[in-house]
Amino acid sequence: MFQLDQPDLDFGLYRIMHAKRGQVEAFLESEFDQLIDRVFANRGARQEEEAKKEYEAAKQQAIAFGAPDPDAAPMVQQARARYDVIRLTGGEDAEIYDHLYRFFSRYYDQGDFMSLRRYGKGAAGSAETYSIPYDGAEVVLHWANKDQYYIKTTENFSHFSFNPRQALEKDERGVTRQLFDDADTGTPLQVHFRIVDAVEGAHNNVKAGDKDERYFLLDEENPVAWEGSELVIRLHYRPDPDKPSRAQKGKWQSDRNDQTLKNALDALAGIVGDGKALADEYRAVLTREVPKGKDKKQPLLARYLTRYTASNTMDYFIHKDLGGFLRRELDFYLKNEVLKLDDFVGSEDADVQADIPEARLKAMHSALEKAQAIRLLSQRLIGFLAQLENFQKKLWLKKKFVVETNYCITLDRIPEKFYSEIAANDRQREDWVELFAIDEIESPAAYSVPLTVDFLKTNRFLLVDTRFFDANFIKKLLDTVEGLDDNTEGALVHSDNFQALQTLRTRYRKGVKVTSNK
């Protein structure tokens, strides 16, 4: 859930993400472990002792009733079974861990917390039923990610690096563990995944359909390269002529990654000459087997190749109020899944012993104690997760810098004192030739290189683009235009849609009218 494994890049946002990883590791390995110890302190021993006493009491009662074989009595067998379960599994501690897993797995899905409000279980064997927040309005528009910001994964596309020796000391979550004694010995190594060619999809959409499906494919001519002693694995991102049908795509993509892995390792094995020793060292480390899920292993390079391809083909979300959402869902989960009504008021189907007030009081106490432990641990996890999510939300909502601003102004709005400088600008002239074919215009003032002032006067509706001029010229030109904002007839913004709207919102508030024809 904590997404610890980030590219080994030491600049900008990545430096912040690395700092976050250190805090997460400290939380998981020390603070949260200490909290678990406090919550479970003496809990298991106490439960085991209580279960043992119940078993012995039941056995003594059976003997008092004259049972020929006390251990065969149903009451004794039931008490013995409970005692064995607690002794072997740690009692309700295991159940608490199970509740923690069940609760968070309801909402966590491949790196995101989905706002799927699950209110109780459905039919036997089916998933939980869902509910949507409703405020009594006549019509409600709702979608699964209503409470989240949609983020398109493009920030990792160009660069991804990792240190294979340090990677051998990390488990699948990215938490540092001592998996191999020799992980950090030998020549310093660094691996880079580098996109050398990419084909843009329809509307720059990374989730394009089958007609525009693209894959990460190893460069056939130069699959690997060197930057000093650092290894570069060269990839293409393009459609594949042998692409599968939609039904086969998942397995085929996995097979594709396996083939890319094999080809990259074969390329390293095929290096001869001065680079062979270094290539062999890389190959030895990248083929080391590391954990993959439960009871599975995979080569180290396969782990990072899979993560790299996934990070660029899966979009993700940032929750607007993760802490509030999970706390509300936790309260309902505890009331619905942990504090069962039968434990407090009994039921018509309950056996005689469960209907005894003392037994019911004990069940109530046990349920409350269990709910308190689950709530305490969950609240701490939720608080930490909310800090991480809120930090990412602040980064996402932070106003972005406008790195460049230019204007396009027709010549008829520009004083003639600027014409000579405009005519002498070759970049502007080349742009006009490309856009408007001014070299083919038949006019009294003929086209020439450089242009003449008379040519500009004759073609007064040519568009001057200030990006071709220096800052001093732009400042003088804009100073001569009165009411620049009022005379600006259109704005073209090159940006992420959300950030562009955030930037323009104040300027164009109540200034944009939208109408529809019904």
Protein backbone atom coordinates (compact mmCIF):
# COMPACT_ATOMS: atom_id res chain seq x y z
CA MET A 1 0.00 0.00 0.00
CA PHE A 2 2.88 2.36 0.61
CA GLN A 3 4.48 2.19 -2.89
CA LEU A 4 8.04 2.25 -1.62
CA ASP A 5 9.87 1.28 -4.77
CA GLN A 6 10.70 4.40 -6.77
CA PRO A 7 13.21 5.00 -9.59
CA ASP A 8 16.69 5.75 -8.30
CA LEU A 9 16.69 9.36 -9.51
CA ASP A 10 18.05 12.04 -7.19
CA PHE A 11 16.33 15.22 -8.34
CA GLY A 12 13.03 17.07 -8.10
CA LEU A 13 10.01 15.05 -7.08
CA TYR A 14 12.01 11.83 -6.90
CA ARG A 15 14.15 13.21 -4.08
CA ILE A 16 10.96 13.88 -2.12
CA MET A 17 9.66 10.38 -2.88
CA HIS A 18 12.91 8.87 -1.64
CA ALA A 19 12.58 10.84 1.60
CA LYS A 20 9.04 9.50 1.93
CA ARG A 21 10.34 5.95 1.45
CA GLY A 22 12.71 6.35 4.39
CA GLN A 23 9.87 7.53 6.62
CA VAL A 24 7.64 4.67 5.51
CA GLU A 25 10.32 2.08 6.22
CA ALA A 26 10.90 3.58 9.67
CA PHE A 27 7.16 3.47 10.36
CA LEU A 28 6.73 -0.15 9.26
CA GLU A 29 9.88 -1.49 10.88
CA SER A 30 9.76 0.30 14.21
CA GLU A 31 6.79 2.51 15.09
CA PHE A 32 4.00 0.23 13.84
CA ASP A 33 5.73 -2.88 15.19
CA GLN A 34 5.95 -1.24 18.61
CA LEU A 35 2.26 -0.33 18.44
CA ILE A 36 1.38 -3.95 17.63
CA ASP A 37 3.44 -5.14 20.59
CA ARG A 38 1.60 -2.74 22.90
CA VAL A 39 -1.83 -3.76 21.58
CA PHE A 40 -1.08 -7.47 21.80
CA ALA A 41 0.91 -7.30 25.03
CA ASN A 42 0.01 -10.31 27.17
CA ARG A 43 -3.18 -10.67 25.08
CA GLY A 44 -2.31 -14.08 23.63
CA ALA A 45 -1.03 -15.50 26.92
CA ARG A 46 -4.16 -14.29 28.72
CA GLN A 47 -6.49 -15.80 26.14
CA GLU A 48 -4.61 -19.10 26.18
CA GLU A 49 -4.76 -19.22 29.98
CA GLU A 50 -8.49 -18.46 29.99
CA ALA A 51 -9.16 -21.13 27.34
CA LYS A 52 -7.14 -23.66 29.31
CA LYS A 53 -9.15 -22.90 32.48
CA GLU A 54 -12.42 -23.29 30.57
CA TYR A 55 -11.26 -26.63 29.22
CA GLU A 56 -10.23 -27.89 32.67
CA ALA A 57 -13.48 -26.62 34.21
CA ALA A 58 -15.54 -28.37 31.53
CA LYS A 59 -13.62 -31.59 32.12
CA GLN A 60 -14.14 -31.41 35.88
CA GLN A 61 -17.86 -30.78 35.33
CA ALA A 62 -18.10 -33.84 33.08
CA ILE A 63 -16.37 -35.93 35.75
CA ALA A 64 -18.77 -34.58 38.37
CA PHE A 65 -21.73 -35.66 36.21
CA GLY A 66 -20.24 -39.17 36.07
CA ALA A 67 -19.29 -39.25 32.41
CA PRO A 68 -17.48 -42.54 31.64
CA ASP A 69 -15.09 -40.76 29.23
CA PRO A 70 -14.88 -37.05 30.15
CA ASP A 71 -12.74 -36.19 27.12
CA ALA A 72 -15.49 -37.51 24.80
CA ALA A 73 -18.18 -35.24 26.25
CA PRO A 74 -19.36 -32.60 23.67
CA MET A 75 -18.87 -29.73 26.11
CA VAL A 76 -15.31 -30.84 26.86
CA GLN A 77 -14.47 -31.39 23.18
CA GLN A 78 -15.74 -27.91 22.35
CA ALA A 79 -13.62 -26.30 25.09
CA ARG A 80 -10.60 -28.40 24.06
CA ALA A 81 -10.96 -27.34 20.43
CA ARG A 82 -11.07 -23.65 21.39
CA TYR A 83 -8.01 -24.07 23.58
CA ASP A 84 -6.07 -25.80 20.77
CA VAL A 85 -6.99 -23.11 18.26
CA ILE A 86 -5.84 -20.30 20.56
CA ARG A 87 -2.67 -22.18 21.53
CA LEU A 88 -1.68 -22.90 17.93
CA THR A 89 -2.78 -19.68 16.17
CA GLY A 90 -2.30 -17.02 18.79
CA GLY A 91 -6.00 -16.74 19.55
CA GLU A 92 -7.86 -13.70 18.38
CA ASP A 93 -4.61 -11.99 17.37
CA ALA A 94 -4.71 -13.90 14.10
CA GLU A 95 -8.33 -12.88 13.63
CA ILE A 96 -7.38 -9.23 14.16
CA TYR A 97 -4.74 -9.46 11.44
CA ASP A 98 -7.33 -11.07 9.19
CA HIS A 99 -9.75 -8.20 9.81
CA LEU A 100 -7.03 -5.65 9.03
CA TYR A 101 -6.26 -7.41 5.77
CA ARG A 102 -9.93 -7.77 4.81
CA PHE A 103 -10.71 -4.12 5.52
CA PHE A 104 -7.85 -2.53 3.58
CA SER A 105 -8.06 -5.02 0.71
CA ARG A 106 -11.66 -3.89 0.14
CA TYR A 107 -10.48 -0.49 -1.06
CA TYR A 108 -6.87 -0.95 -2.18
CA ASP A 109 -6.44 -1.95 -5.81
CA GLN A 110 -3.11 -1.85 -7.70
CA GLY A 111 -1.72 1.25 -6.06
CA ASP A 112 -4.96 3.17 -5.54
CA PHE A 113 -7.65 3.38 -2.90
CA MET A 114 -10.95 3.06 -4.73
CA SER A 115 -13.98 4.84 -3.26
CA LEU A 116 -16.15 1.74 -3.44
CA ARG A 117 -18.42 1.83 -0.42
CA ARG A 118 -19.07 -1.78 0.48
CA TYR A 119 -22.01 -2.20 2.81
CA GLY A 120 -22.30 -5.85 3.76
CA LYS A 121 -21.86 -9.13 1.98
CA GLY A 122 -23.96 -10.30 -0.92
CA ALA A 123 -25.16 -13.82 -1.59
CA ALA A 124 -23.04 -16.76 -0.51
CA GLY A 125 -19.75 -16.75 -2.37
CA SER A 126 -20.35 -13.38 -4.01
CA ALA A 127 -18.64 -10.03 -3.49
CA GLU A 128 -19.88 -7.36 -1.12
CA THR A 129 -22.79 -5.19 -2.17
CA TYR A 130 -22.12 -1.53 -2.94
CA SER A 131 -23.75 1.70 -1.92
CA ILE A 132 -23.37 5.30 -3.09
CA PRO A 133 -23.51 8.44 -0.92
CA TYR A 134 -26.94 10.00 -1.24
CA ASP A 135 -28.07 13.39 0.07
CA GLY A 136 -31.75 13.20 -0.87
CA ALA A 137 -31.41 14.96 -4.21
CA GLU A 138 -33.84 13.98 -6.96
CA VAL A 139 -31.05 12.93 -9.33
CA VAL A 140 -27.55 11.80 -8.31
CA LEU A 141 -24.60 11.53 -10.69
CA HIS A 142 -22.05 9.13 -9.26
CA TRP A 143 -18.95 7.34 -10.52
CA ALA A 144 -16.42 5.08 -8.81
CA ASN A 145 -13.63 7.69 -8.68
CA LYS A 146 -15.78 10.69 -7.85
CA ASP A 147 -13.69 11.51 -4.78
CA GLN A 148 -10.35 11.28 -6.57
CA TYR A 149 -8.13 13.20 -8.96
CA TYR A 150 -7.22 11.28 -12.09
CA ILE A 151 -3.48 11.31 -12.76
CA LYS A 152 -2.07 10.15 -16.09
CA THR A 153 1.18 8.20 -15.80
CA THR A 154 3.74 9.94 -17.92
CA GLU A 155 6.33 11.20 -15.41
CA ASN A 156 8.36 7.97 -15.42
CA PHE A 157 8.21 7.46 -19.17
CA SER A 158 11.63 8.76 -20.13
CA HIS A 159 13.81 7.62 -17.25
CA PHE A 160 13.89 4.74 -14.83
CA SER A 161 17.03 3.63 -13.02
CA PHE A 162 17.90 1.21 -10.26
CA ASN A 163 20.97 -0.03 -8.46
CA PRO A 164 20.86 -3.84 -8.84
CA ARG A 165 23.07 -4.52 -5.83
CA GLN A 166 20.90 -2.38 -3.55
CA ALA A 167 17.79 -3.88 -5.16
CA LEU A 168 18.89 -7.32 -3.95
CA GLU A 169 18.45 -6.03 -0.39
CA LYS A 170 14.78 -5.06 -0.94
CA ASP A 171 11.73 -7.25 -0.68
CA GLU A 172 8.81 -7.10 -3.10
CA ARG A 173 7.30 -4.07 -1.34
CA GLY A 174 10.56 -2.14 -1.54
CA VAL A 175 11.36 -2.44 2.18
CA THR A 176 15.08 -2.94 2.78
CA ARG A 177 15.84 -6.49 3.93
CA GLN A 178 19.09 -8.45 4.04
CA LEU A 179 18.11 -11.01 1.40
CA PHE A 180 21.67 -11.76 0.23
CA ASP A 181 24.90 -11.48 2.21
CA ASP A 182 26.89 -10.44 -0.87
CA ALA A 183 24.35 -7.97 -2.27
CA ASP A 184 26.43 -4.82 -1.78
CA THR A 185 29.86 -6.10 -2.72
CA GLY A 186 31.76 -5.80 -5.98
CA THR A 187 31.76 -3.13 -8.69
CA PRO A 188 29.14 -0.34 -8.27
CA LEU A 189 26.37 -1.06 -10.79
CA GLN A 190 23.55 1.04 -12.24
CA VAL A 191 20.85 0.04 -14.75
CA HIS A 192 18.80 2.49 -16.84
CA PHE A 193 15.69 1.73 -18.88
CA ARG A 194 15.74 4.17 -21.80
CA ILE A 195 13.06 4.78 -24.43
CA VAL A 196 14.87 5.38 -27.70
CA ASP A 197 11.73 5.62 -29.83
CA ALA A 198 8.05 5.97 -28.98
CA VAL A 199 4.93 6.10 -31.12
CA GLU A 200 2.25 8.38 -29.74
CA GLY A 201 -1.20 6.90 -29.37
CA ALA A 202 -4.51 8.40 -30.32
CA HIS A 203 -5.02 11.67 -28.43
CA ASN A 204 -1.82 10.85 -26.49
CA ASN A 205 -3.78 8.23 -24.59
CA VAL A 206 -1.75 5.55 -22.80
CA LYS A 207 -4.90 3.45 -22.50
CA ALA A 208 -5.59 3.25 -26.21
CA GLY A 209 -7.77 0.53 -27.65
CA ASP A 210 -6.74 -2.49 -29.68
CA LYS A 211 -6.29 -0.42 -32.84
CA ASP A 212 -3.59 1.64 -31.17
CA GLU A 213 -2.17 -0.83 -28.64
CA ARG A 214 1.52 -0.23 -27.97
CA TYR A 215 4.11 -2.32 -26.15
CA PHE A 216 7.63 -2.04 -24.75
CA LEU A 217 9.90 -3.86 -27.17
CA LEU A 218 13.67 -4.28 -26.94
CA ASP A 219 15.66 -2.44 -29.60
CA GLU A 220 16.72 -5.11 -32.08
CA GLU A 221 19.87 -3.40 -33.40
CA ASN A 222 21.34 -2.17 -30.09
CA PRO A 223 19.48 -3.80 -27.19
CA VAL A 224 22.05 -2.67 -24.60
CA ALA A 225 24.50 0.21 -24.42
CA TRP A 226 27.01 1.61 -21.95
CA GLU A 227 27.34 4.99 -20.26
CA GLY A 228 30.73 4.53 -18.65
CA SER A 229 30.24 1.49 -16.41
CA GLU A 230 26.44 1.91 -16.30
CA LEU A 231 24.15 -0.34 -18.31
CA VAL A 232 21.43 1.12 -20.56
CA ILE A 233 18.63 -1.17 -21.75
CA ARG A 234 17.18 0.36 -24.92
CA LEU A 235 13.43 0.01 -25.49
CA HIS A 236 10.87 1.01 -28.09
CA TYR A 237 7.26 1.87 -27.26
CA ARG A 238 5.23 1.11 -30.36
CA PRO A 239 2.54 -1.15 -31.82
CA ASP A 240 3.55 -4.72 -32.51
CA PRO A 241 2.50 -6.39 -35.77
CA ASP A 242 1.95 -9.65 -33.92
CA LYS A 243 -0.34 -8.15 -31.29
CA PRO A 244 -2.95 -10.53 -29.82
CA SER A 245 -6.67 -10.24 -29.45
CA ARG A 246 -8.07 -8.54 -26.37
CA ALA A 247 -8.75 -11.92 -24.70
CA GLN A 248 -5.12 -12.98 -25.13
CA LYS A 249 -3.51 -9.64 -24.33
CA GLY A 250 -2.76 -10.19 -20.62
CA LYS A 251 -0.86 -13.45 -21.05
CA TRP A 252 0.77 -12.21 -24.23
CA GLN A 253 2.09 -9.09 -22.50
CA SER A 254 3.58 -11.29 -19.79
CA ASP A 255 5.18 -13.47 -22.46
CA ARG A 256 6.47 -10.32 -24.17
CA ASN A 257 8.21 -9.20 -20.96
CA ASP A 258 9.74 -12.67 -20.60
CA GLN A 259 11.06 -12.47 -24.15
CA THR A 260 12.44 -8.98 -23.59
CA LEU A 261 14.14 -10.23 -20.43
CA LYS A 262 15.69 -13.18 -22.29
CA ASN A 263 16.87 -11.00 -25.19
CA ALA A 264 18.48 -8.46 -22.84
CA LEU A 265 20.35 -11.15 -20.91
CA ASP A 266 21.40 -12.84 -24.15
CA ALA A 267 22.76 -9.49 -25.39
CA LEU A 268 24.87 -9.19 -22.23
CA ALA A 269 26.11 -12.76 -22.65
CA GLY A 270 27.09 -11.98 -26.24
CA ILE A 271 29.40 -9.08 -25.36
CA VAL A 272 33.05 -9.85 -26.01
CA GLY A 273 36.29 -7.96 -25.66
CA ASP A 274 37.05 -5.33 -23.01
CA GLY A 275 33.42 -5.08 -21.82
CA LYS A 276 32.90 -8.81 -21.26
CA ALA A 277 33.96 -8.86 -17.60
CA LEU A 278 31.63 -5.98 -16.70
CA ALA A 279 28.79 -7.49 -18.75
CA ASP A 280 29.20 -10.83 -16.98
CA GLU A 281 29.06 -9.08 -13.60
CA TYR A 282 25.81 -7.32 -14.55
CA ARG A 283 24.35 -10.56 -15.87
CA ALA A 284 25.25 -12.45 -12.69
CA VAL A 285 23.45 -9.89 -10.52
CA LEU A 286 20.42 -9.36 -12.79
CA THR A 287 19.72 -13.10 -12.99
CA ARG A 288 19.66 -13.56 -9.20
CA GLU A 289 16.33 -14.98 -8.04
CA VAL A 290 14.24 -12.66 -5.82
CA PRO A 291 10.83 -13.28 -4.19
CA LYS A 292 7.71 -12.91 -6.31
CA GLY A 293 4.55 -13.25 -4.28
CA LYS A 294 4.02 -16.34 -2.18
CA ASP A 295 6.45 -19.19 -2.78
CA LYS A 296 7.56 -17.84 -6.16
CA LYS A 297 10.77 -16.34 -7.47
CA GLN A 298 11.84 -14.34 -10.51
CA PRO A 299 15.08 -12.83 -11.87
CA LEU A 300 15.86 -9.39 -10.48
CA LEU A 301 15.70 -7.81 -13.94
CA ALA A 302 12.21 -9.27 -14.49
CA ARG A 303 10.94 -7.55 -11.34
CA TYR A 304 12.06 -4.11 -12.49
CA LEU A 305 11.11 -4.62 -16.11
CA THR A 306 7.57 -5.47 -15.03
CA ARG A 307 7.39 -2.43 -12.75
CA TYR A 308 8.70 -0.12 -15.44
CA THR A 309 6.21 -1.27 -18.07
CA ALA A 310 3.34 -1.20 -15.57
CA SER A 311 4.18 2.32 -14.37
CA ASN A 312 3.76 3.63 -17.91
CA THR A 313 0.65 1.69 -18.90
CA MET A 314 -1.45 2.16 -15.75
CA ASP A 315 -2.98 5.45 -14.71
CA TYR A 316 -3.55 6.22 -11.05
CA PHE A 317 -5.61 8.40 -8.76
CA ILE A 318 -5.10 10.66 -5.76
CA HIS A 319 -7.90 10.63 -3.21
CA LYS A 320 -9.26 14.01 -2.14
CA ASP A 321 -9.88 12.89 1.47
CA LEU A 322 -8.48 9.42 1.98
CA GLY A 323 -8.33 9.70 5.77
CA GLY A 324 -11.96 10.77 6.13
CA PHE A 325 -13.18 8.12 3.69
CA LEU A 326 -11.32 5.21 5.33
CA ARG A 327 -12.29 6.29 8.86
CA ARG A 328 -15.98 6.39 7.91
CA GLU A 329 -15.71 3.00 6.26
CA LEU A 330 -13.81 1.60 9.26
CA ASP A 331 -16.59 2.62 11.65
CA PHE A 332 -19.16 0.86 9.50
CA TYR A 333 -16.92 -2.20 9.09
CA LEU A 334 -16.50 -2.56 12.86
CA LYS A 335 -20.25 -2.27 13.47
CA ASN A 336 -21.17 -4.60 10.62
CA GLU A 337 -18.37 -7.20 10.64
CA VAL A 338 -16.88 -7.25 14.15
CA LEU A 339 -19.54 -6.14 16.67
CA LYS A 340 -22.25 -8.59 15.70
CA LEU A 341 -25.68 -7.98 17.20
CA ASP A 342 -26.04 -11.57 18.43
CA ASP A 343 -23.07 -11.05 20.75
CA PHE A 344 -25.02 -8.37 22.61
CA VAL A 345 -28.72 -9.32 22.53
CA GLY A 346 -28.59 -13.05 21.82
CA SER A 347 -30.65 -14.83 19.17
CA GLU A 348 -33.43 -17.36 18.91
CA ASP A 349 -31.00 -19.92 17.46
CA ALA A 350 -28.35 -19.47 20.15
CA ASP A 351 -27.58 -22.47 22.33
CA VAL A 352 -28.38 -22.55 25.99
CA GLN A 353 -24.91 -21.57 27.16
CA ALA A 354 -24.80 -18.48 24.93
CA ASP A 355 -28.09 -17.28 26.44
CA ILE A 356 -26.67 -17.25 29.94
CA PRO A 357 -26.11 -13.55 30.88
CA GLU A 358 -22.59 -14.23 32.16
CA ALA A 359 -21.57 -15.93 28.91
CA ARG A 360 -23.14 -13.14 26.88
CA LEU A 361 -21.31 -10.55 28.94
CA LYS A 362 -18.06 -12.36 28.27
CA ALA A 363 -18.80 -12.45 24.53
CA MET A 364 -19.58 -8.73 24.60
CA HIS A 365 -16.32 -7.98 26.37
CA SER A 366 -14.34 -10.09 23.91
CA ALA A 367 -16.00 -8.44 20.89
CA LEU A 368 -15.40 -4.94 22.24
CA GLU A 369 -11.78 -5.72 23.06
CA LYS A 370 -11.24 -7.14 19.57
CA ALA A 371 -12.93 -4.13 17.92
CA GLN A 372 -10.82 -1.75 20.00
CA ALA A 373 -7.59 -3.47 18.88
CA ILE A 374 -8.67 -3.46 15.22
CA ARG A 375 -9.70 0.18 15.40
CA LEU A 376 -6.47 1.29 17.09
CA LEU A 377 -4.22 -0.43 14.53
CA SER A 378 -6.39 0.59 11.57
CA GLN A 379 -6.56 4.22 12.69
CA ARG A 380 -2.78 4.39 12.90
CA LEU A 381 -2.39 2.90 9.43
CA ILE A 382 -5.09 5.19 8.05
CA GLY A 383 -3.45 8.24 9.60
CA PHE A 384 -0.10 7.38 8.03
CA LEU A 385 -1.62 6.56 4.64
CA ALA A 386 -3.58 9.82 4.74
CA GLN A 387 -0.37 11.78 5.34
CA LEU A 388 1.21 10.25 2.23
CA GLU A 389 -1.91 10.80 0.14
CA ASN A 390 -2.36 14.39 1.34
CA PHE A 391 1.26 15.11 0.54
CA GLN A 392 0.79 13.88 -3.02
CA LYS A 393 -2.47 15.84 -3.25
CA LYS A 394 -0.70 19.05 -2.22
CA LEU A 395 1.95 18.46 -4.87
CA TRP A 396 -0.74 17.85 -7.46
CA LEU A 397 -2.79 20.94 -6.49
CA LYS A 398 0.22 23.20 -6.11
CA LYS A 399 0.10 25.96 -8.69
CA LYS A 400 2.48 25.13 -11.48
CA PHE A 401 4.95 27.60 -12.92
CA VAL A 402 4.16 29.12 -16.29
CA VAL A 403 7.48 28.42 -17.97
CA GLU A 404 6.82 30.38 -21.15
CA THR A 405 4.28 32.86 -22.49
CA ASN A 406 4.09 34.16 -26.04
CA TYR A 407 1.70 36.20 -28.13
CA CYS A 408 0.60 36.02 -31.76
CA ILE A 409 -0.21 39.50 -33.08
CA THR A 410 -1.11 40.48 -36.64
CA LEU A 411 1.05 43.13 -38.31
CA ASP A 412 -1.83 45.58 -38.61
CA ARG A 413 -1.81 45.92 -34.78
CA ILE A 414 1.94 46.50 -34.57
CA PRO A 415 3.51 49.98 -35.05
CA GLU A 416 5.67 50.24 -38.18
CA LYS A 417 8.74 51.15 -36.14
CA PHE A 418 9.04 47.41 -35.36
CA TYR A 419 8.81 46.28 -39.01
CA SER A 420 12.50 46.45 -39.82
CA GLU A 421 13.40 44.17 -36.92
CA ILE A 422 10.58 41.77 -37.79
CA ALA A 423 11.65 41.64 -41.44
CA ALA A 424 15.21 40.79 -40.44
CA ASN A 425 14.14 37.79 -38.30
CA ASP A 426 14.87 34.64 -40.32
CA ARG A 427 13.09 32.31 -37.91
CA GLN A 428 9.86 34.28 -38.30
CA ARG A 429 10.26 34.33 -42.08
CA GLU A 430 10.78 30.53 -42.20
CA ASP A 431 7.71 30.02 -40.06
CA TRP A 432 5.62 32.13 -42.46
CA VAL A 433 6.94 30.16 -45.42
CA GLU A 434 5.93 26.91 -43.74
CA LEU A 435 2.52 28.08 -42.55
CA PHE A 436 1.40 30.56 -45.20
CA ALA A 437 3.73 29.87 -48.20
CA ILE A 438 4.63 33.56 -48.40
CA ASP A 439 7.34 32.71 -50.92
CA GLU A 440 4.55 32.00 -53.42
CA ILE A 441 2.56 35.20 -52.83
CA GLU A 442 2.20 37.43 -55.89
CA SER A 443 2.22 41.01 -54.66
CA PRO A 444 3.75 44.39 -55.61
CA ALA A 445 6.41 43.84 -52.95
CA ALA A 446 8.05 40.57 -53.91
CA TYR A 447 9.21 37.93 -51.43
CA SER A 448 12.93 38.13 -50.66
CA VAL A 449 15.52 36.92 -48.21
CA PRO A 450 15.60 38.76 -45.89
CA LEU A 451 12.12 40.24 -46.12
CA THR A 452 11.60 43.91 -46.78
CA VAL A 453 9.54 46.41 -44.82
CA ASP A 454 7.43 46.99 -47.96
CA PHE A 455 6.55 43.27 -48.04
CA LEU A 456 5.28 43.49 -44.46
CA LYS A 457 3.25 46.61 -45.23
CA THR A 458 1.67 44.83 -48.18
CA ASN A 459 0.77 41.73 -46.11
CA ARG A 460 -0.46 43.36 -42.90
CA PHE A 461 -2.40 40.36 -41.68
CA LEU A 462 0.58 38.06 -41.24
CA LEU A 463 0.80 36.74 -37.68
CA VAL A 464 3.89 37.70 -35.68
CA ASP A 465 4.85 35.03 -33.13
CA THR A 466 6.82 36.53 -30.24
CA ARG A 467 8.58 33.19 -29.51
CA PHE A 468 11.02 34.03 -32.33
CA PHE A 469 12.18 37.29 -30.69
CA ASP A 470 14.24 38.20 -27.66
CA ALA A 471 12.80 39.39 -24.36
CA ASN A 472 13.73 43.04 -24.95
CA PHE A 473 11.82 43.17 -28.24
CA ILE A 474 8.79 41.42 -26.74
CA LYS A 475 8.65 43.85 -23.81
CA LYS A 476 8.79 46.91 -26.08
CA LEU A 477 6.17 45.46 -28.40
CA LEU A 478 3.69 44.54 -25.66
CA ASP A 479 4.09 47.97 -24.06
CA THR A 480 2.70 49.53 -27.23
CA VAL A 481 -0.47 47.41 -27.24
CA GLU A 482 -3.20 49.06 -25.18
CA GLY A 483 -5.64 46.80 -23.37
CA LEU A 484 -3.70 43.65 -24.19
CA ASP A 485 -6.03 41.31 -22.30
CA ASP A 486 -9.16 42.93 -23.73
CA ASN A 487 -7.81 42.68 -27.27
CA THR A 488 -6.72 39.06 -26.90
CA GLU A 489 -9.24 37.07 -28.90
CA GLY A 490 -8.08 33.59 -27.94
CA ALA A 491 -5.78 31.67 -25.63
CA LEU A 492 -3.89 28.48 -26.42
CA VAL A 493 -2.53 26.60 -23.39
CA HIS A 494 -0.05 23.73 -23.61
CA SER A 495 -0.54 21.93 -20.31
CA ASP A 496 -2.19 19.11 -18.46
CA ASN A 497 -5.95 19.69 -18.65
CA PHE A 498 -6.47 19.92 -14.89
CA GLN A 499 -3.54 22.28 -14.30
CA ALA A 500 -4.56 24.46 -17.25
CA LEU A 501 -8.08 24.84 -15.86
CA GLN A 502 -6.68 25.63 -12.40
CA THR A 503 -4.51 28.37 -13.93
CA LEU A 504 -7.29 29.87 -16.04
CA ARG A 505 -10.09 29.58 -13.49
CA THR A 506 -9.56 32.94 -11.78
CA ARG A 507 -8.93 34.87 -14.99
CA TYR A 508 -11.98 33.55 -16.83
CA ARG A 509 -14.38 33.13 -13.91
CA LYS A 510 -17.90 34.06 -15.12
CA GLY A 511 -16.34 34.99 -18.44
CA VAL A 512 -17.03 31.76 -20.31
CA LYS A 513 -20.60 31.05 -21.35
CA VAL A 514 -21.73 27.60 -22.40
CA THR A 515 -25.04 27.06 -24.17
CA SER A 516 -26.72 23.96 -25.50
CA ASN A 517 -29.38 23.42 -28.12
CA LYS A 518 -32.09 21.00 -27.08
